Amino acid sequence: MSKYSALFEDEDDVFLGSPVSKLMDIIFNANNDVVRFDLENFIKRRAALELILEEKIGENYSEIVEAMIIEQREIVESKTKSLSIELMGEIVSKSE
């Protein structure tokens, strides 16, 4: 169970929308320098993870990723929410 799972129990009351939609609100309204910094770090992490996948699985890793998104939709959605909340926290904590 994710460290953020309690937040998902009644997400409409807590966030007044999904974590992804709230992340978009924060990205467009927070300090531009903070958002740029955190998005750049997020993209670097994704790049590193893609390089690891290429190394371990091969260049067709994207097909495996797409299949996982379809086959394990709930798990992927939960992780998407967790990552959105994590990125929101990073941006908000630096914007205060």
PDB file of N, CA and C in Angstrom:
ATOM      1  N   MET A   1       0.842  -1.182   0.000  1.00  0.00           N
ATOM      2  CA  MET A   1       0.000   0.000   0.000  1.00  0.00           C
ATOM      3  C   MET A   1       0.887   1.246   0.000  1.00  0.00           C
ATOM      4  N   SER A   2       0.541   2.209  -0.829  1.00  0.00           N
ATOM      5  CA  SER A   2       1.309   3.436  -0.984  1.00  0.00           C
ATOM      6  C   SER A   2       1.232   4.312   0.264  1.00  0.00           C
ATOM      7  N   LYS A   3       2.254   5.117   0.465  1.00  0.00           N
ATOM      8  CA  LYS A   3       2.229   6.029   1.609  1.00  0.00           C
ATOM      9  C   LYS A   3       1.176   7.113   1.424  1.00  0.00           C
ATOM     10  N   TYR A   4       0.645   7.240   0.216  1.00  0.00           N
ATOM     11  CA  TYR A   4      -0.391   8.236  -0.069  1.00  0.00           C
ATOM     12  C   TYR A   4      -1.779   7.622  -0.204  1.00  0.00           C
ATOM     13  N   SER A   5      -1.921   6.338   0.050  1.00  0.00           N
ATOM     14  CA  SER A   5      -3.185   5.661  -0.217  1.00  0.00           C
ATOM     15  C   SER A   5      -4.364   6.248   0.549  1.00  0.00           C
ATOM     16  N   ALA A   6      -4.143   6.760   1.742  1.00  0.00           N
ATOM     17  CA  ALA A   6      -5.243   7.346   2.513  1.00  0.00           C
ATOM     18  C   ALA A   6      -5.831   8.556   1.799  1.00  0.00           C
ATOM     19  N   LEU A   7      -5.018   9.241   1.020  1.00  0.00           N
ATOM     20  CA  LEU A   7      -5.502  10.408   0.297  1.00  0.00           C
ATOM     21  C   LEU A   7      -6.452  10.053  -0.834  1.00  0.00           C
ATOM     22  N   PHE A   8      -6.386   8.805  -1.307  1.00  0.00           N
ATOM     23  CA  PHE A   8      -7.205   8.393  -2.434  1.00  0.00           C
ATOM     24  C   PHE A   8      -8.575   7.895  -2.016  1.00  0.00           C
ATOM     25  N   GLU A   9      -8.808   7.704  -0.733  1.00  0.00           N
ATOM     26  CA  GLU A   9     -10.068   7.136  -0.280  1.00  0.00           C
ATOM     27  C   GLU A   9     -11.251   8.015  -0.657  1.00  0.00           C
ATOM     28  N   ASP A  10     -11.098   9.297  -0.579  1.00  0.00           N
ATOM     29  CA  ASP A  10     -12.174  10.218  -0.901  1.00  0.00           C
ATOM     30  C   ASP A  10     -11.570  11.405  -1.633  1.00  0.00           C
ATOM     31  N   GLU A  11     -10.945  11.116  -2.784  1.00  0.00           N
ATOM     32  CA  GLU A  11     -10.125  12.118  -3.438  1.00  0.00           C
ATOM     33  C   GLU A  11     -10.893  13.359  -3.858  1.00  0.00           C
ATOM     34  N   ASP A  12     -12.145  13.261  -4.180  1.00  0.00           N
ATOM     35  CA  ASP A  12     -12.883  14.448  -4.596  1.00  0.00           C
ATOM     36  C   ASP A  12     -13.042  15.438  -3.449  1.00  0.00           C
ATOM     37  N   ASP A  13     -13.210  14.945  -2.225  1.00  0.00           N
ATOM     38  CA  ASP A  13     -13.330  15.842  -1.081  1.00  0.00           C
ATOM     39  C   ASP A  13     -11.990  16.486  -0.730  1.00  0.00           C
ATOM     40  N   VAL A  14     -10.923  15.729  -0.828  1.00  0.00           N
ATOM     41  CA  VAL A  14      -9.606  16.239  -0.453  1.00  0.00           C
ATOM     42  C   VAL A  14      -9.059  17.181  -1.521  1.00  0.00           C
ATOM     43  N   PHE A  15      -9.125  16.780  -2.770  1.00  0.00           N
ATOM     44  CA  PHE A  15      -8.480  17.527  -3.839  1.00  0.00           C
ATOM     45  C   PHE A  15      -9.429  18.377  -4.680  1.00  0.00           C
ATOM     46  N   LEU A  16     -10.727  18.158  -4.563  1.00  0.00           N
ATOM     47  CA  LEU A  16     -11.690  18.787  -5.457  1.00  0.00           C
ATOM     48  C   LEU A  16     -11.290  18.530  -6.904  1.00  0.00           C
ATOM     49  N   GLY A  17     -10.921  17.296  -7.187  1.00  0.00           N
ATOM     50  CA  GLY A  17     -10.461  16.852  -8.495  1.00  0.00           C
ATOM     51  C   GLY A  17      -9.420  15.784  -8.308  1.00  0.00           C
ATOM     52  N   SER A  18      -8.904  15.274  -9.396  1.00  0.00           N
ATOM     53  CA  SER A  18      -7.903  14.216  -9.310  1.00  0.00           C
ATOM     54  C   SER A  18      -6.533  14.791  -8.961  1.00  0.00           C
ATOM     55  N   PRO A  19      -5.635  13.955  -8.434  1.00  0.00           N
ATOM     56  CA  PRO A  19      -4.277  14.431  -8.159  1.00  0.00           C
ATOM     57  C   PRO A  19      -3.585  14.977  -9.409  1.00  0.00           C
ATOM     58  N   VAL A  20      -3.848  14.365 -10.552  1.00  0.00           N
ATOM     59  CA  VAL A  20      -3.220  14.842 -11.787  1.00  0.00           C
ATOM     60  C   VAL A  20      -3.748  16.233 -12.153  1.00  0.00           C
ATOM     61  N   SER A  21      -5.059  16.453 -12.015  1.00  0.00           N
ATOM     62  CA  SER A  21      -5.607  17.772 -12.345  1.00  0.00           C
ATOM     63  C   SER A  21      -5.105  18.830 -11.368  1.00  0.00           C
ATOM     64  N   LYS A  22      -4.952  18.472 -10.097  1.00  0.00           N
ATOM     65  CA  LYS A  22      -4.423  19.424  -9.120  1.00  0.00           C
ATOM     66  C   LYS A  22      -2.952  19.716  -9.392  1.00  0.00           C
ATOM     67  N   LEU A  23      -2.205  18.701  -9.829  1.00  0.00           N
ATOM     68  CA  LEU A  23      -0.808  18.927 -10.202  1.00  0.00           C
ATOM     69  C   LEU A  23      -0.740  19.947 -11.330  1.00  0.00           C
ATOM     70  N   MET A  24      -1.617  19.819 -12.320  1.00  0.00           N
ATOM     71  CA  MET A  24      -1.627  20.780 -13.426  1.00  0.00           C
ATOM     72  C   MET A  24      -1.935  22.188 -12.913  1.00  0.00           C
ATOM     73  N   ASP A  25      -2.875  22.301 -11.993  1.00  0.00           N
ATOM     74  CA  ASP A  25      -3.178  23.608 -11.397  1.00  0.00           C
ATOM     75  C   ASP A  25      -1.937  24.197 -10.732  1.00  0.00           C
ATOM     76  N   ILE A  26      -1.235  23.379  -9.986  1.00  0.00           N
ATOM     77  CA  ILE A  26      -0.040  23.841  -9.277  1.00  0.00           C
ATOM     78  C   ILE A  26       1.056  24.230 -10.268  1.00  0.00           C
ATOM     79  N   ILE A  27       1.250  23.415 -11.297  1.00  0.00           N
ATOM     80  CA  ILE A  27       2.282  23.712 -12.295  1.00  0.00           C
ATOM     81  C   ILE A  27       2.039  25.073 -12.941  1.00  0.00           C
ATOM     82  N   PHE A  28       0.785  25.379 -13.239  1.00  0.00           N
ATOM     83  CA  PHE A  28       0.480  26.630 -13.931  1.00  0.00           C
ATOM     84  C   PHE A  28       0.409  27.837 -13.001  1.00  0.00           C
ATOM     85  N   ASN A  29       0.357  27.594 -11.681  1.00  0.00           N
ATOM     86  CA  ASN A  29       0.211  28.720 -10.754  1.00  0.00           C
ATOM     87  C   ASN A  29       1.375  28.913  -9.793  1.00  0.00           C
ATOM     88  N   ALA A  30       2.254  27.944  -9.676  1.00  0.00           N
ATOM     89  CA  ALA A  30       3.371  28.043  -8.736  1.00  0.00           C
ATOM     90  C   ALA A  30       4.507  28.869  -9.346  1.00  0.00           C
ATOM     91  N   ASN A  31       5.496  29.134  -8.530  1.00  0.00           N
ATOM     92  CA  ASN A  31       6.687  29.860  -8.956  1.00  0.00           C
ATOM     93  C   ASN A  31       7.300  29.151 -10.165  1.00  0.00           C
ATOM     94  N   ASN A  32       7.463  29.882 -11.255  1.00  0.00           N
ATOM     95  CA  ASN A  32       7.939  29.328 -12.517  1.00  0.00           C
ATOM     96  C   ASN A  32       9.315  28.666 -12.381  1.00  0.00           C
ATOM     97  N   ASP A  33      10.224  29.265 -11.631  1.00  0.00           N
ATOM     98  CA  ASP A  33      11.564  28.704 -11.466  1.00  0.00           C
ATOM     99  C   ASP A  33      11.511  27.365 -10.731  1.00  0.00           C
ATOM    100  N   VAL A  34      10.667  27.280  -9.716  1.00  0.00           N
ATOM    101  CA  VAL A  34      10.520  26.034  -8.958  1.00  0.00           C
ATOM    102  C   VAL A  34       9.939  24.940  -9.849  1.00  0.00           C
ATOM    103  N   VAL A  35       8.912  25.286 -10.598  1.00  0.00           N
ATOM    104  CA  VAL A  35       8.280  24.307 -11.490  1.00  0.00           C
ATOM    105  C   VAL A  35       9.277  23.816 -12.526  1.00  0.00           C
ATOM    106  N   ARG A  36      10.010  24.724 -13.128  1.00  0.00           N
ATOM    107  CA  ARG A  36      11.010  24.328 -14.132  1.00  0.00           C
ATOM    108  C   ARG A  36      12.049  23.375 -13.528  1.00  0.00           C
ATOM    109  N   PHE A  37      12.538  23.714 -12.338  1.00  0.00           N
ATOM    110  CA  PHE A  37      13.542  22.893 -11.671  1.00  0.00           C
ATOM    111  C   PHE A  37      13.005  21.485 -11.400  1.00  0.00           C
ATOM    112  N   ASP A  38      11.806  21.404 -10.828  1.00  0.00           N
ATOM    113  CA  ASP A  38      11.255  20.100 -10.476  1.00  0.00           C
ATOM    114  C   ASP A  38      10.840  19.287 -11.698  1.00  0.00           C
ATOM    115  N   LEU A  39      10.323  19.942 -12.725  1.00  0.00           N
ATOM    116  CA  LEU A  39       9.994  19.211 -13.950  1.00  0.00           C
ATOM    117  C   LEU A  39      11.255  18.705 -14.641  1.00  0.00           C
ATOM    118  N   GLU A  40      12.315  19.512 -14.617  1.00  0.00           N
ATOM    119  CA  GLU A  40      13.577  19.059 -15.206  1.00  0.00           C
ATOM    120  C   GLU A  40      14.107  17.830 -14.466  1.00  0.00           C
ATOM    121  N   ASN A  41      14.044  17.859 -13.141  1.00  0.00           N
ATOM    122  CA  ASN A  41      14.470  16.690 -12.366  1.00  0.00           C
ATOM    123  C   ASN A  41      13.600  15.484 -12.658  1.00  0.00           C
ATOM    124  N   PHE A  42      12.300  15.695 -12.785  1.00  0.00           N
ATOM    125  CA  PHE A  42      11.373  14.607 -13.091  1.00  0.00           C
ATOM    126  C   PHE A  42      11.705  13.992 -14.452  1.00  0.00           C
ATOM    127  N   ILE A  43      11.990  14.829 -15.440  1.00  0.00           N
ATOM    128  CA  ILE A  43      12.325  14.338 -16.780  1.00  0.00           C
ATOM    129  C   ILE A  43      13.662  13.595 -16.766  1.00  0.00           C
ATOM    130  N   LYS A  44      14.640  14.090 -16.008  1.00  0.00           N
ATOM    131  CA  LYS A  44      15.929  13.393 -15.898  1.00  0.00           C
ATOM    132  C   LYS A  44      15.742  12.006 -15.298  1.00  0.00           C
ATOM    133  N   ARG A  45      14.884  11.912 -14.276  1.00  0.00           N
ATOM    134  CA  ARG A  45      14.611  10.608 -13.666  1.00  0.00           C
ATOM    135  C   ARG A  45      13.943   9.676 -14.678  1.00  0.00           C
ATOM    136  N   ARG A  46      13.014  10.192 -15.452  1.00  0.00           N
ATOM    137  CA  ARG A  46      12.349   9.374 -16.472  1.00  0.00           C
ATOM    138  C   ARG A  46      13.367   8.925 -17.510  1.00  0.00           C
ATOM    139  N   ALA A  47      14.255   9.820 -17.932  1.00  0.00           N
ATOM    140  CA  ALA A  47      15.281   9.463 -18.908  1.00  0.00           C
ATOM    141  C   ALA A  47      16.166   8.331 -18.371  1.00  0.00           C
ATOM    142  N   ALA A  48      16.568   8.449 -17.111  1.00  0.00           N
ATOM    143  CA  ALA A  48      17.402   7.407 -16.502  1.00  0.00           C
ATOM    144  C   ALA A  48      16.654   6.082 -16.453  1.00  0.00           C
ATOM    145  N   LEU A  49      15.380   6.120 -16.081  1.00  0.00           N
ATOM    146  CA  LEU A  49      14.587   4.893 -16.026  1.00  0.00           C
ATOM    147  C   LEU A  49      14.421   4.271 -17.411  1.00  0.00           C
ATOM    148  N   GLU A  50      14.239   5.100 -18.436  1.00  0.00           N
ATOM    149  CA  GLU A  50      14.126   4.568 -19.794  1.00  0.00           C
ATOM    150  C   GLU A  50      15.440   3.938 -20.247  1.00  0.00           C
ATOM    151  N   LEU A  51      16.556   4.548 -19.874  1.00  0.00           N
ATOM    152  CA  LEU A  51      17.856   3.963 -20.216  1.00  0.00           C
ATOM    153  C   LEU A  51      18.055   2.618 -19.531  1.00  0.00           C
ATOM    154  N   ILE A  52      17.625   2.528 -18.279  1.00  0.00           N
ATOM    155  CA  ILE A  52      17.705   1.249 -17.558  1.00  0.00           C
ATOM    156  C   ILE A  52      16.847   0.199 -18.253  1.00  0.00           C
ATOM    157  N   LEU A  53      15.628   0.583 -18.637  1.00  0.00           N
ATOM    158  CA  LEU A  53      14.743  -0.351 -19.339  1.00  0.00           C
ATOM    159  C   LEU A  53      15.353  -0.803 -20.660  1.00  0.00           C
ATOM    160  N   GLU A  54      15.921   0.124 -21.422  1.00  0.00           N
ATOM    161  CA  GLU A  54      16.574  -0.243 -22.683  1.00  0.00           C
ATOM    162  C   GLU A  54      17.692  -1.236 -22.444  1.00  0.00           C
ATOM    163  N   GLU A  55      18.476  -0.982 -21.388  1.00  0.00           N
ATOM    164  CA  GLU A  55      19.614  -1.849 -21.071  1.00  0.00           C
ATOM    165  C   GLU A  55      19.155  -3.236 -20.633  1.00  0.00           C
ATOM    166  N   LYS A  56      18.127  -3.299 -19.804  1.00  0.00           N
ATOM    167  CA  LYS A  56      17.680  -4.567 -19.224  1.00  0.00           C
ATOM    168  C   LYS A  56      16.725  -5.340 -20.131  1.00  0.00           C
ATOM    169  N   ILE A  57      15.877  -4.623 -20.868  1.00  0.00           N
ATOM    170  CA  ILE A  57      14.826  -5.284 -21.637  1.00  0.00           C
ATOM    171  C   ILE A  57      15.075  -5.199 -23.139  1.00  0.00           C
ATOM    172  N   GLY A  58      15.686  -4.130 -23.576  1.00  0.00           N
ATOM    173  CA  GLY A  58      15.895  -3.912 -25.002  1.00  0.00           C
ATOM    174  C   GLY A  58      15.080  -2.724 -25.486  1.00  0.00           C
ATOM    175  N   GLU A  59      15.244  -2.427 -26.749  1.00  0.00           N
ATOM    176  CA  GLU A  59      14.597  -1.236 -27.306  1.00  0.00           C
ATOM    177  C   GLU A  59      13.090  -1.363 -27.407  1.00  0.00           C
ATOM    178  N   ASN A  60      12.548  -2.570 -27.321  1.00  0.00           N
ATOM    179  CA  ASN A  60      11.097  -2.740 -27.414  1.00  0.00           C
ATOM    180  C   ASN A  60      10.411  -2.600 -26.053  1.00  0.00           C
ATOM    181  N   TYR A  61      11.097  -1.987 -25.100  1.00  0.00           N
ATOM    182  CA  TYR A  61      10.514  -1.814 -23.771  1.00  0.00           C
ATOM    183  C   TYR A  61       9.209  -1.030 -23.814  1.00  0.00           C
ATOM    184  N   SER A  62       9.059  -0.132 -24.771  1.00  0.00           N
ATOM    185  CA  SER A  62       7.845   0.686 -24.821  1.00  0.00           C
ATOM    186  C   SER A  62       6.604  -0.173 -25.054  1.00  0.00           C
ATOM    187  N   GLU A  63       6.742  -1.247 -25.806  1.00  0.00           N
ATOM    188  CA  GLU A  63       5.618  -2.168 -26.010  1.00  0.00           C
ATOM    189  C   GLU A  63       5.231  -2.833 -24.692  1.00  0.00           C
ATOM    190  N   ILE A  64       6.211  -3.188 -23.912  1.00  0.00           N
ATOM    191  CA  ILE A  64       5.963  -3.812 -22.610  1.00  0.00           C
ATOM    192  C   ILE A  64       5.295  -2.809 -21.672  1.00  0.00           C
ATOM    193  N   VAL A  65       5.756  -1.570 -21.704  1.00  0.00           N
ATOM    194  CA  VAL A  65       5.169  -0.517 -20.870  1.00  0.00           C
ATOM    195  C   VAL A  65       3.709  -0.300 -21.259  1.00  0.00           C
ATOM    196  N   GLU A  66       3.433  -0.195 -22.548  1.00  0.00           N
ATOM    197  CA  GLU A  66       2.057   0.005 -23.013  1.00  0.00           C
ATOM    198  C   GLU A  66       1.155  -1.157 -22.596  1.00  0.00           C
ATOM    199  N   ALA A  67       1.674  -2.376 -22.689  1.00  0.00           N
ATOM    200  CA  ALA A  67       0.893  -3.546 -22.273  1.00  0.00           C
ATOM    201  C   ALA A  67       0.601  -3.493 -20.776  1.00  0.00           C
ATOM    202  N   MET A  68       1.580  -3.055 -19.989  1.00  0.00           N
ATOM    203  CA  MET A  68       1.380  -2.961 -18.545  1.00  0.00           C
ATOM    204  C   MET A  68       0.326  -1.912 -18.208  1.00  0.00           C
ATOM    205  N   ILE A  69       0.348  -0.801 -18.924  1.00  0.00           N
ATOM    206  CA  ILE A  69      -0.646   0.248 -18.694  1.00  0.00           C
ATOM    207  C   ILE A  69      -2.051  -0.307 -18.899  1.00  0.00           C
ATOM    208  N   ILE A  70      -2.216  -1.152 -19.888  1.00  0.00           N
ATOM    209  CA  ILE A  70      -3.522  -1.739 -20.181  1.00  0.00           C
ATOM    210  C   ILE A  70      -3.856  -2.866 -19.206  1.00  0.00           C
ATOM    211  N   GLU A  71      -2.923  -3.771 -19.006  1.00  0.00           N
ATOM    212  CA  GLU A  71      -3.178  -4.970 -18.211  1.00  0.00           C
ATOM    213  C   GLU A  71      -3.249  -4.705 -16.711  1.00  0.00           C
ATOM    214  N   GLN A  72      -2.520  -3.725 -16.237  1.00  0.00           N
ATOM    215  CA  GLN A  72      -2.486  -3.437 -14.803  1.00  0.00           C
ATOM    216  C   GLN A  72      -2.919  -1.993 -14.554  1.00  0.00           C
ATOM    217  N   ARG A  73      -4.032  -1.644 -15.175  1.00  0.00           N
ATOM    218  CA  ARG A  73      -4.537  -0.274 -15.168  1.00  0.00           C
ATOM    219  C   ARG A  73      -4.654   0.315 -13.771  1.00  0.00           C
ATOM    220  N   GLU A  74      -5.227  -0.429 -12.835  1.00  0.00           N
ATOM    221  CA  GLU A  74      -5.438   0.107 -11.487  1.00  0.00           C
ATOM    222  C   GLU A  74      -4.125   0.396 -10.772  1.00  0.00           C
ATOM    223  N   ILE A  75      -3.169  -0.494 -10.918  1.00  0.00           N
ATOM    224  CA  ILE A  75      -1.865  -0.293 -10.279  1.00  0.00           C
ATOM    225  C   ILE A  75      -1.165   0.912 -10.900  1.00  0.00           C
ATOM    226  N   VAL A  76      -1.229   1.027 -12.219  1.00  0.00           N
ATOM    227  CA  VAL A  76      -0.597   2.154 -12.911  1.00  0.00           C
ATOM    228  C   VAL A  76      -1.280   3.468 -12.526  1.00  0.00           C
ATOM    229  N   GLU A  77      -2.595   3.470 -12.442  1.00  0.00           N
ATOM    230  CA  GLU A  77      -3.313   4.677 -12.036  1.00  0.00           C
ATOM    231  C   GLU A  77      -2.952   5.085 -10.608  1.00  0.00           C
ATOM    232  N   SER A  78      -2.828   4.113  -9.726  1.00  0.00           N
ATOM    233  CA  SER A  78      -2.446   4.399  -8.348  1.00  0.00           C
ATOM    234  C   SER A  78      -1.041   5.011  -8.287  1.00  0.00           C
ATOM    235  N   LYS A  79      -0.131   4.458  -9.066  1.00  0.00           N
ATOM    236  CA  LYS A  79       1.237   4.989  -9.094  1.00  0.00           C
ATOM    237  C   LYS A  79       1.255   6.385  -9.708  1.00  0.00           C
ATOM    238  N   THR A  80       0.427   6.612 -10.727  1.00  0.00           N
ATOM    239  CA  THR A  80       0.324   7.932 -11.337  1.00  0.00           C
ATOM    240  C   THR A  80      -0.130   8.958 -10.307  1.00  0.00           C
ATOM    241  N   LYS A  81      -1.118   8.594  -9.512  1.00  0.00           N
ATOM    242  CA  LYS A  81      -1.605   9.492  -8.460  1.00  0.00           C
ATOM    243  C   LYS A  81      -0.502   9.765  -7.439  1.00  0.00           C
ATOM    244  N   SER A  82       0.210   8.727  -7.036  1.00  0.00           N
ATOM    245  CA  SER A  82       1.292   8.895  -6.058  1.00  0.00           C
ATOM    246  C   SER A  82       2.380   9.823  -6.585  1.00  0.00           C
ATOM    247  N   LEU A  83       2.770   9.623  -7.841  1.00  0.00           N
ATOM    248  CA  LEU A  83       3.805  10.472  -8.424  1.00  0.00           C
ATOM    249  C   LEU A  83       3.325  11.911  -8.566  1.00  0.00           C
ATOM    250  N   SER A  84       2.060  12.091  -8.896  1.00  0.00           N
ATOM    251  CA  SER A  84       1.496  13.440  -8.998  1.00  0.00           C
ATOM    252  C   SER A  84       1.541  14.141  -7.648  1.00  0.00           C
ATOM    253  N   ILE A  85       1.151  13.427  -6.609  1.00  0.00           N
ATOM    254  CA  ILE A  85       1.163  13.993  -5.257  1.00  0.00           C
ATOM    255  C   ILE A  85       2.593  14.291  -4.816  1.00  0.00           C
ATOM    256  N   GLU A  86       3.502  13.403  -5.129  1.00  0.00           N
ATOM    257  CA  GLU A  86       4.909  13.618  -4.773  1.00  0.00           C
ATOM    258  C   GLU A  86       5.455  14.871  -5.459  1.00  0.00           C
ATOM    259  N   LEU A  87       5.179  15.026  -6.745  1.00  0.00           N
ATOM    260  CA  LEU A  87       5.655  16.198  -7.469  1.00  0.00           C
ATOM    261  C   LEU A  87       4.980  17.470  -6.964  1.00  0.00           C
ATOM    262  N   MET A  88       3.686  17.388  -6.647  1.00  0.00           N
ATOM    263  CA  MET A  88       2.988  18.538  -6.059  1.00  0.00           C
ATOM    264  C   MET A  88       3.673  18.962  -4.768  1.00  0.00           C
ATOM    265  N   GLY A  89       3.984  17.991  -3.923  1.00  0.00           N
ATOM    266  CA  GLY A  89       4.643  18.278  -2.655  1.00  0.00           C
ATOM    267  C   GLY A  89       5.977  18.957  -2.843  1.00  0.00           C
ATOM    268  N   GLU A  90       6.749  18.473  -3.807  1.00  0.00           N
ATOM    269  CA  GLU A  90       8.050  19.089  -4.092  1.00  0.00           C
ATOM    270  C   GLU A  90       7.887  20.545  -4.514  1.00  0.00           C
ATOM    271  N   ILE A  91       6.956  20.775  -5.419  1.00  0.00           N
ATOM    272  CA  ILE A  91       6.749  22.142  -5.931  1.00  0.00           C
ATOM    273  C   ILE A  91       6.215  23.054  -4.839  1.00  0.00           C
ATOM    274  N   VAL A  92       5.190  22.616  -4.135  1.00  0.00           N
ATOM    275  CA  VAL A  92       4.561  23.461  -3.115  1.00  0.00           C
ATOM    276  C   VAL A  92       5.531  23.760  -1.977  1.00  0.00           C
ATOM    277  N   SER A  93       6.297  22.757  -1.540  1.00  0.00           N
ATOM    278  CA  SER A  93       7.205  22.987  -0.415  1.00  0.00           C
ATOM    279  C   SER A  93       8.305  23.987  -0.771  1.00  0.00           C
ATOM    280  N   LYS A  94       8.688  24.067  -2.025  1.00  0.00           N
ATOM    281  CA  LYS A  94       9.719  25.021  -2.443  1.00  0.00           C
ATOM    282  C   LYS A  94       9.136  26.384  -2.790  1.00  0.00           C
ATOM    283  N   SER A  95       7.835  26.442  -2.964  1.00  0.00           N
ATOM    284  CA  SER A  95       7.188  27.699  -3.373  1.00  0.00           C
ATOM    285  C   SER A  95       6.738  28.535  -2.179  1.00  0.00           C
ATOM    286  N   GLU A  96       6.806  27.986  -1.005  1.00  0.00           N
ATOM    287  CA  GLU A  96       6.306  28.707   0.173  1.00  0.00           C
ATOM    288  C   GLU A  96       7.291  29.745   0.655  1.00  0.00           C
TER     289      GLU A  96
END
